[in-house]
Every structure is written in C-alpha cells, then in structure tokens.
C-alpha cells in the first residue's frame, strides 16, 4: 500500500494514520494517540503555513510541517 504524509492534507480532510517514524515523532504526540489505525484531521493552518493544527484521537495538537511529514497516512482513506 502506498502512503503519503499528513502535511499534504487540506483543511477539513481526515485520513487514517498507517505508519509513523517513531524516531522523529515526539513521545507526547504518540501518547495523545498519534498511532497507526487512528484518524488524523487537519483543522487549521497557521497564517504563514506552519504549524499545522490537527485533531488526533479527540485531542487538538499543533504540529510543525517537518514533524507532520513523519506521520504517514493512507491516501485512499482521505475524506
């Protein structure tokens, strides 16, 4: 299965997380539910484009684009 990273989502889009780069993702994000099988939704983009604001497992989190690039999603699951 091909995957792409969550930084490519557009505002309001949701997708299933299929993989994370455990070495590059802060432990706090993992504890908040940023795990394979969960849904991630882009809810807002900062005025200068970074950070990105996501809803992950009913938690609102701000993630830098660089970090979001290590959260891989299933493009077929984008809604």
N, C-alpha and C. Protein backbone atom coordinates (compact mmCIF):
# COMPACT_ATOMS: atom_id res chain seq x y z
N UNK A 1 0.84 -1.18 0.00
CA UNK A 1 0.00 0.00 0.00
C UNK A 1 0.89 1.24 0.00
N UNK A 2 0.58 2.17 -0.86
CA UNK A 2 1.31 3.44 -0.89
C UNK A 2 0.79 4.33 0.23
N UNK A 3 1.66 5.19 0.72
CA UNK A 3 1.24 6.14 1.74
C UNK A 3 1.81 7.51 1.38
N UNK A 4 1.24 8.53 2.00
CA UNK A 4 1.77 9.89 1.86
C UNK A 4 1.77 10.48 3.27
N UNK A 5 2.35 11.65 3.43
CA UNK A 5 2.44 12.19 4.78
C UNK A 5 1.31 13.17 5.07
N UNK A 6 1.03 13.32 6.35
CA UNK A 6 -0.11 14.10 6.81
C UNK A 6 0.00 15.59 6.48
N UNK A 7 1.18 16.10 6.21
CA UNK A 7 1.34 17.51 5.87
C UNK A 7 0.68 17.84 4.53
N UNK A 8 0.32 16.82 3.75
CA UNK A 8 -0.33 17.04 2.46
C UNK A 8 -1.84 17.17 2.55
N UNK A 9 -2.41 16.93 3.73
CA UNK A 9 -3.86 17.07 3.89
C UNK A 9 -4.26 18.53 3.70
N UNK A 10 -5.47 18.73 3.23
CA UNK A 10 -6.04 20.07 3.11
C UNK A 10 -6.98 20.29 4.29
N UNK A 11 -7.23 21.55 4.63
CA UNK A 11 -8.08 21.88 5.77
C UNK A 11 -9.41 21.14 5.67
N UNK A 12 -9.78 20.48 6.76
CA UNK A 12 -11.04 19.74 6.83
C UNK A 12 -10.94 18.29 6.42
N UNK A 13 -9.82 17.89 5.85
CA UNK A 13 -9.67 16.49 5.42
C UNK A 13 -9.22 15.61 6.58
N UNK A 14 -9.72 14.36 6.54
CA UNK A 14 -9.36 13.35 7.53
C UNK A 14 -8.73 12.18 6.80
N UNK A 15 -7.86 11.45 7.49
CA UNK A 15 -7.27 10.25 6.92
C UNK A 15 -6.81 9.32 8.04
N UNK A 16 -6.63 8.07 7.69
CA UNK A 16 -6.15 7.07 8.64
C UNK A 16 -4.63 7.08 8.68
N UNK A 17 -4.07 7.11 9.88
CA UNK A 17 -2.63 7.00 10.05
C UNK A 17 -2.25 5.54 9.81
N UNK A 18 -1.27 5.31 8.94
CA UNK A 18 -0.84 3.94 8.67
C UNK A 18 0.56 3.64 9.22
N UNK A 19 1.34 4.69 9.46
CA UNK A 19 2.70 4.48 9.94
C UNK A 19 3.22 5.79 10.51
N UNK A 20 4.10 5.69 11.49
CA UNK A 20 4.80 6.87 12.00
C UNK A 20 6.29 6.52 12.07
N UNK A 21 7.11 7.54 11.93
CA UNK A 21 8.55 7.36 12.12
C UNK A 21 8.82 7.59 13.60
N UNK A 22 8.89 6.52 14.34
CA UNK A 22 8.99 6.58 15.80
C UNK A 22 10.21 7.38 16.28
N UNK A 23 11.25 7.44 15.47
CA UNK A 23 12.46 8.17 15.86
C UNK A 23 12.31 9.68 15.70
N UNK A 24 11.34 10.12 14.92
CA UNK A 24 11.19 11.55 14.63
C UNK A 24 9.95 12.17 15.28
N UNK A 25 9.05 11.36 15.80
CA UNK A 25 7.81 11.86 16.39
C UNK A 25 8.01 12.02 17.90
N UNK A 26 7.69 13.21 18.46
CA UNK A 26 7.81 13.38 19.91
C UNK A 26 6.90 12.40 20.66
N UNK A 27 7.37 11.90 21.78
CA UNK A 27 6.62 10.96 22.60
C UNK A 27 5.25 11.52 22.97
N UNK A 28 5.16 12.81 23.20
CA UNK A 28 3.89 13.45 23.57
C UNK A 28 2.82 13.19 22.50
N UNK A 29 3.18 13.27 21.22
CA UNK A 29 2.21 13.01 20.15
C UNK A 29 1.75 11.56 20.15
N UNK A 30 2.66 10.66 20.43
CA UNK A 30 2.31 9.24 20.49
C UNK A 30 1.36 9.01 21.66
N UNK A 31 1.64 9.63 22.80
CA UNK A 31 0.78 9.49 23.97
C UNK A 31 -0.61 10.07 23.72
N UNK A 32 -0.72 11.07 22.84
CA UNK A 32 -2.01 11.69 22.53
C UNK A 32 -2.78 10.91 21.47
N UNK A 33 -2.22 9.82 20.99
CA UNK A 33 -2.97 8.98 20.06
C UNK A 33 -2.53 9.04 18.63
N UNK A 34 -1.40 9.63 18.37
CA UNK A 34 -0.89 9.70 17.00
C UNK A 34 -0.25 8.35 16.66
N UNK A 35 -1.11 7.37 16.41
CA UNK A 35 -0.69 5.99 16.20
C UNK A 35 -1.37 5.40 14.98
N UNK A 36 -0.74 4.42 14.35
CA UNK A 36 -1.38 3.74 13.22
C UNK A 36 -2.77 3.21 13.60
N UNK A 37 -3.71 3.40 12.68
CA UNK A 37 -5.09 2.97 12.90
C UNK A 37 -5.99 4.10 13.35
N UNK A 38 -5.42 5.17 13.92
CA UNK A 38 -6.22 6.31 14.35
C UNK A 38 -6.41 7.28 13.19
N UNK A 39 -7.39 8.15 13.35
CA UNK A 39 -7.70 9.15 12.33
C UNK A 39 -7.06 10.48 12.69
N UNK A 40 -6.53 11.16 11.68
CA UNK A 40 -5.96 12.49 11.85
C UNK A 40 -6.74 13.44 10.94
N UNK A 41 -7.09 14.62 11.45
CA UNK A 41 -7.84 15.62 10.68
C UNK A 41 -7.12 16.96 10.75
N UNK A 42 -6.90 17.58 9.60
CA UNK A 42 -6.31 18.92 9.58
C UNK A 42 -7.43 19.92 9.83
N UNK A 43 -7.34 20.66 10.94
CA UNK A 43 -8.41 21.60 11.27
C UNK A 43 -8.04 23.05 11.00
N UNK A 44 -6.75 23.36 10.95
CA UNK A 44 -6.35 24.74 10.70
C UNK A 44 -4.88 24.79 10.30
N UNK A 45 -4.54 25.80 9.52
CA UNK A 45 -3.16 26.05 9.13
C UNK A 45 -2.80 27.46 9.61
N UNK A 46 -1.67 27.61 10.25
CA UNK A 46 -1.22 28.92 10.71
C UNK A 46 -1.07 29.87 9.52
N UNK A 47 -1.20 31.17 9.74
CA UNK A 47 -1.14 32.14 8.64
C UNK A 47 0.10 32.01 7.74
N UNK A 48 1.24 31.66 8.30
CA UNK A 48 2.45 31.51 7.49
C UNK A 48 2.66 30.07 7.03
N UNK A 49 1.66 29.21 7.27
CA UNK A 49 1.72 27.83 6.80
C UNK A 49 2.34 26.83 7.75
N UNK A 50 2.83 27.28 8.89
CA UNK A 50 3.46 26.39 9.85
C UNK A 50 3.30 27.00 11.23
N UNK A 51 2.79 26.30 12.23
CA UNK A 51 2.47 24.88 12.28
C UNK A 51 1.10 24.57 11.69
N UNK A 52 0.80 23.28 11.67
CA UNK A 52 -0.49 22.76 11.25
C UNK A 52 -1.22 22.31 12.51
N UNK A 53 -2.53 22.55 12.54
CA UNK A 53 -3.32 22.17 13.71
C UNK A 53 -4.19 20.97 13.35
N UNK A 54 -4.00 19.88 14.08
CA UNK A 54 -4.68 18.63 13.81
C UNK A 54 -5.57 18.22 14.97
N UNK A 55 -6.59 17.43 14.64
CA UNK A 55 -7.39 16.73 15.64
C UNK A 55 -6.96 15.27 15.53
N UNK A 56 -6.38 14.75 16.60
CA UNK A 56 -5.93 13.36 16.63
C UNK A 56 -6.51 12.73 17.89
N UNK A 57 -7.35 11.72 17.71
CA UNK A 57 -7.90 10.99 18.86
C UNK A 57 -8.59 11.94 19.84
N UNK A 58 -9.36 12.89 19.30
CA UNK A 58 -10.09 13.90 20.08
C UNK A 58 -9.18 14.86 20.84
N UNK A 59 -7.93 14.98 20.44
CA UNK A 59 -7.00 15.95 21.01
C UNK A 59 -6.59 16.93 19.92
N UNK A 60 -6.60 18.21 20.24
CA UNK A 60 -6.14 19.23 19.30
C UNK A 60 -4.65 19.43 19.52
N UNK A 61 -3.87 19.29 18.45
CA UNK A 61 -2.42 19.42 18.56
C UNK A 61 -1.87 20.28 17.43
N UNK A 62 -0.86 21.07 17.75
CA UNK A 62 -0.14 21.85 16.75
C UNK A 62 1.14 21.09 16.43
N UNK A 63 1.33 20.82 15.14
CA UNK A 63 2.48 20.04 14.70
C UNK A 63 3.19 20.79 13.59
N UNK A 64 4.49 20.93 13.70
CA UNK A 64 5.26 21.56 12.62
C UNK A 64 5.18 20.69 11.37
N UNK A 65 5.23 21.33 10.21
CA UNK A 65 5.19 20.59 8.94
C UNK A 65 6.27 19.53 8.88
N UNK A 66 7.45 19.87 9.38
CA UNK A 66 8.57 18.92 9.36
C UNK A 66 8.22 17.65 10.13
N UNK A 67 7.56 17.79 11.27
CA UNK A 67 7.15 16.63 12.07
C UNK A 67 6.00 15.91 11.40
N UNK A 68 5.04 16.65 10.85
CA UNK A 68 3.89 16.04 10.18
C UNK A 68 4.32 15.17 9.00
N UNK A 69 5.47 15.47 8.43
CA UNK A 69 5.97 14.68 7.31
C UNK A 69 6.37 13.27 7.73
N UNK A 70 6.49 13.03 9.03
CA UNK A 70 6.83 11.70 9.55
C UNK A 70 5.61 10.91 9.99
N UNK A 71 4.42 11.47 9.77
CA UNK A 71 3.16 10.78 10.06
C UNK A 71 2.57 10.39 8.72
N UNK A 72 2.58 9.11 8.42
CA UNK A 72 2.16 8.63 7.10
C UNK A 72 0.70 8.20 7.14
N UNK A 73 -0.03 8.59 6.10
CA UNK A 73 -1.46 8.30 6.01
C UNK A 73 -1.76 7.48 4.77
N UNK A 74 -2.91 6.84 4.79
CA UNK A 74 -3.40 6.09 3.64
C UNK A 74 -4.14 7.07 2.73
N UNK A 75 -3.63 7.38 1.54
CA UNK A 75 -4.31 8.35 0.67
C UNK A 75 -5.71 7.91 0.27
N UNK A 76 -5.96 6.60 0.24
CA UNK A 76 -7.29 6.11 -0.12
C UNK A 76 -8.31 6.40 0.97
N UNK A 77 -7.85 6.70 2.19
CA UNK A 77 -8.76 6.95 3.31
C UNK A 77 -9.11 8.43 3.47
N UNK A 78 -8.55 9.31 2.65
CA UNK A 78 -8.79 10.75 2.78
C UNK A 78 -10.26 11.05 2.51
N UNK A 79 -10.87 11.79 3.45
CA UNK A 79 -12.29 12.18 3.34
C UNK A 79 -12.40 13.68 3.42
